[in-house]
């Protein structure tokens, strides 16, 4: 995602957000990047061992 200036509206666009305040657009972009990073970190957490064992038992049956 990036900040785009829209001259027709005299505003800035960040994804779906449109605002006239550049500072707010920059803060919004930083928050979106932090959320994306946190989401990726959550995906990197391995499954609990009990779930792995259960999945192996199901495959064997």
C-alpha atoms as a PDB file:
ATOM      1  CA  UNK A   1       0.000   0.000   0.000  1.00  0.00           C
ATOM      2  CA  UNK A   2       1.140   3.555  -0.604  1.00  0.00           C
ATOM      3  CA  UNK A   3      -0.063   7.121  -0.273  1.00  0.00           C
ATOM      4  CA  UNK A   4      -1.377   8.578  -3.527  1.00  0.00           C
ATOM      5  CA  UNK A   5      -2.286  12.213  -4.075  1.00  0.00           C
ATOM      6  CA  UNK A   6      -5.556  12.681  -5.984  1.00  0.00           C
ATOM      7  CA  UNK A   7      -5.467  16.195  -7.497  1.00  0.00           C
ATOM      8  CA  UNK A   8      -9.135  16.135  -8.581  1.00  0.00           C
ATOM      9  CA  UNK A   9     -10.161  15.784  -4.933  1.00  0.00           C
ATOM     10  CA  UNK A  10      -7.205  17.657  -3.425  1.00  0.00           C
ATOM     11  CA  UNK A  11      -6.870  14.656  -1.104  1.00  0.00           C
ATOM     12  CA  UNK A  12      -4.686  11.651  -0.345  1.00  0.00           C
ATOM     13  CA  UNK A  13      -5.682   8.030  -0.835  1.00  0.00           C
ATOM     14  CA  UNK A  14      -4.345   5.064   1.128  1.00  0.00           C
ATOM     15  CA  UNK A  15      -6.063   1.910  -0.061  1.00  0.00           C
ATOM     16  CA  UNK A  16      -9.787   2.595   0.437  1.00  0.00           C
ATOM     17  CA  UNK A  17      -9.239   5.601   2.746  1.00  0.00           C
ATOM     18  CA  UNK A  18      -9.450   9.115   1.280  1.00  0.00           C
ATOM     19  CA  UNK A  19      -8.418  12.058   3.459  1.00  0.00           C
ATOM     20  CA  UNK A  20      -7.210  15.635   3.052  1.00  0.00           C
ATOM     21  CA  UNK A  21      -4.771  15.255   5.973  1.00  0.00           C
ATOM     22  CA  UNK A  22      -1.390  13.910   4.794  1.00  0.00           C
ATOM     23  CA  UNK A  23      -0.191  13.311   8.362  1.00  0.00           C
ATOM     24  CA  UNK A  24      -3.245  11.152   9.086  1.00  0.00           C
ATOM     25  CA  UNK A  25      -2.672   9.237   5.833  1.00  0.00           C
ATOM     26  CA  UNK A  26       0.917   8.493   6.893  1.00  0.00           C
ATOM     27  CA  UNK A  27      -0.222   7.280  10.333  1.00  0.00           C
ATOM     28  CA  UNK A  28      -2.907   5.124   8.721  1.00  0.00           C
ATOM     29  CA  UNK A  29      -0.332   3.586   6.374  1.00  0.00           C
ATOM     30  CA  UNK A  30       2.027   2.805   9.288  1.00  0.00           C
ATOM     31  CA  UNK A  31      -0.813   1.175  11.248  1.00  0.00           C
ATOM     32  CA  UNK A  32      -1.809  -0.910   8.225  1.00  0.00           C
ATOM     33  CA  UNK A  33       1.792  -2.072   7.776  1.00  0.00           C
ATOM     34  CA  UNK A  34       2.064  -2.973  11.473  1.00  0.00           C
ATOM     35  CA  UNK A  35      -1.193  -4.947  11.305  1.00  0.00           C
ATOM     36  CA  UNK A  36       0.019  -6.808   8.225  1.00  0.00           C
ATOM     37  CA  UNK A  37       3.284  -7.630  10.004  1.00  0.00           C
ATOM     38  CA  UNK A  38       1.408  -8.848  13.110  1.00  0.00           C
ATOM     39  CA  UNK A  39      -0.855 -10.984  10.933  1.00  0.00           C
ATOM     40  CA  UNK A  40       2.167 -12.582   9.276  1.00  0.00           C
ATOM     41  CA  UNK A  41       3.737 -13.233  12.683  1.00  0.00           C
ATOM     42  CA  UNK A  42       0.518 -14.937  13.823  1.00  0.00           C
ATOM     43  CA  UNK A  43       0.623 -17.208  10.770  1.00  0.00           C
ATOM     44  CA  UNK A  44       4.211 -18.173  11.604  1.00  0.00           C
ATOM     45  CA  UNK A  45       3.206 -19.610  15.012  1.00  0.00           C
ATOM     46  CA  UNK A  46       3.325 -23.415  14.779  1.00  0.00           C
ATOM     47  CA  UNK A  47       0.270 -25.523  15.543  1.00  0.00           C
ATOM     48  CA  UNK A  48       0.003 -26.993  19.032  1.00  0.00           C
ATOM     49  CA  UNK A  49       1.475 -30.489  19.335  1.00  0.00           C
ATOM     50  CA  UNK A  50      -1.916 -31.963  20.291  1.00  0.00           C
ATOM     51  CA  UNK A  51      -3.426 -30.753  17.010  1.00  0.00           C
ATOM     52  CA  UNK A  52      -0.517 -32.252  15.048  1.00  0.00           C
ATOM     53  CA  UNK A  53      -0.962 -35.618  16.801  1.00  0.00           C
ATOM     54  CA  UNK A  54      -4.729 -35.546  16.162  1.00  0.00           C
ATOM     55  CA  UNK A  55      -4.146 -34.821  12.466  1.00  0.00           C
ATOM     56  CA  UNK A  56      -1.751 -37.778  12.208  1.00  0.00           C
ATOM     57  CA  UNK A  57      -4.288 -40.097  13.902  1.00  0.00           C
ATOM     58  CA  UNK A  58      -7.004 -39.015  11.472  1.00  0.00           C
ATOM     59  CA  UNK A  59      -4.712 -39.673   8.507  1.00  0.00           C
ATOM     60  CA  UNK A  60      -3.903 -43.198   9.761  1.00  0.00           C
ATOM     61  CA  UNK A  61      -7.572 -44.186  10.036  1.00  0.00           C
END
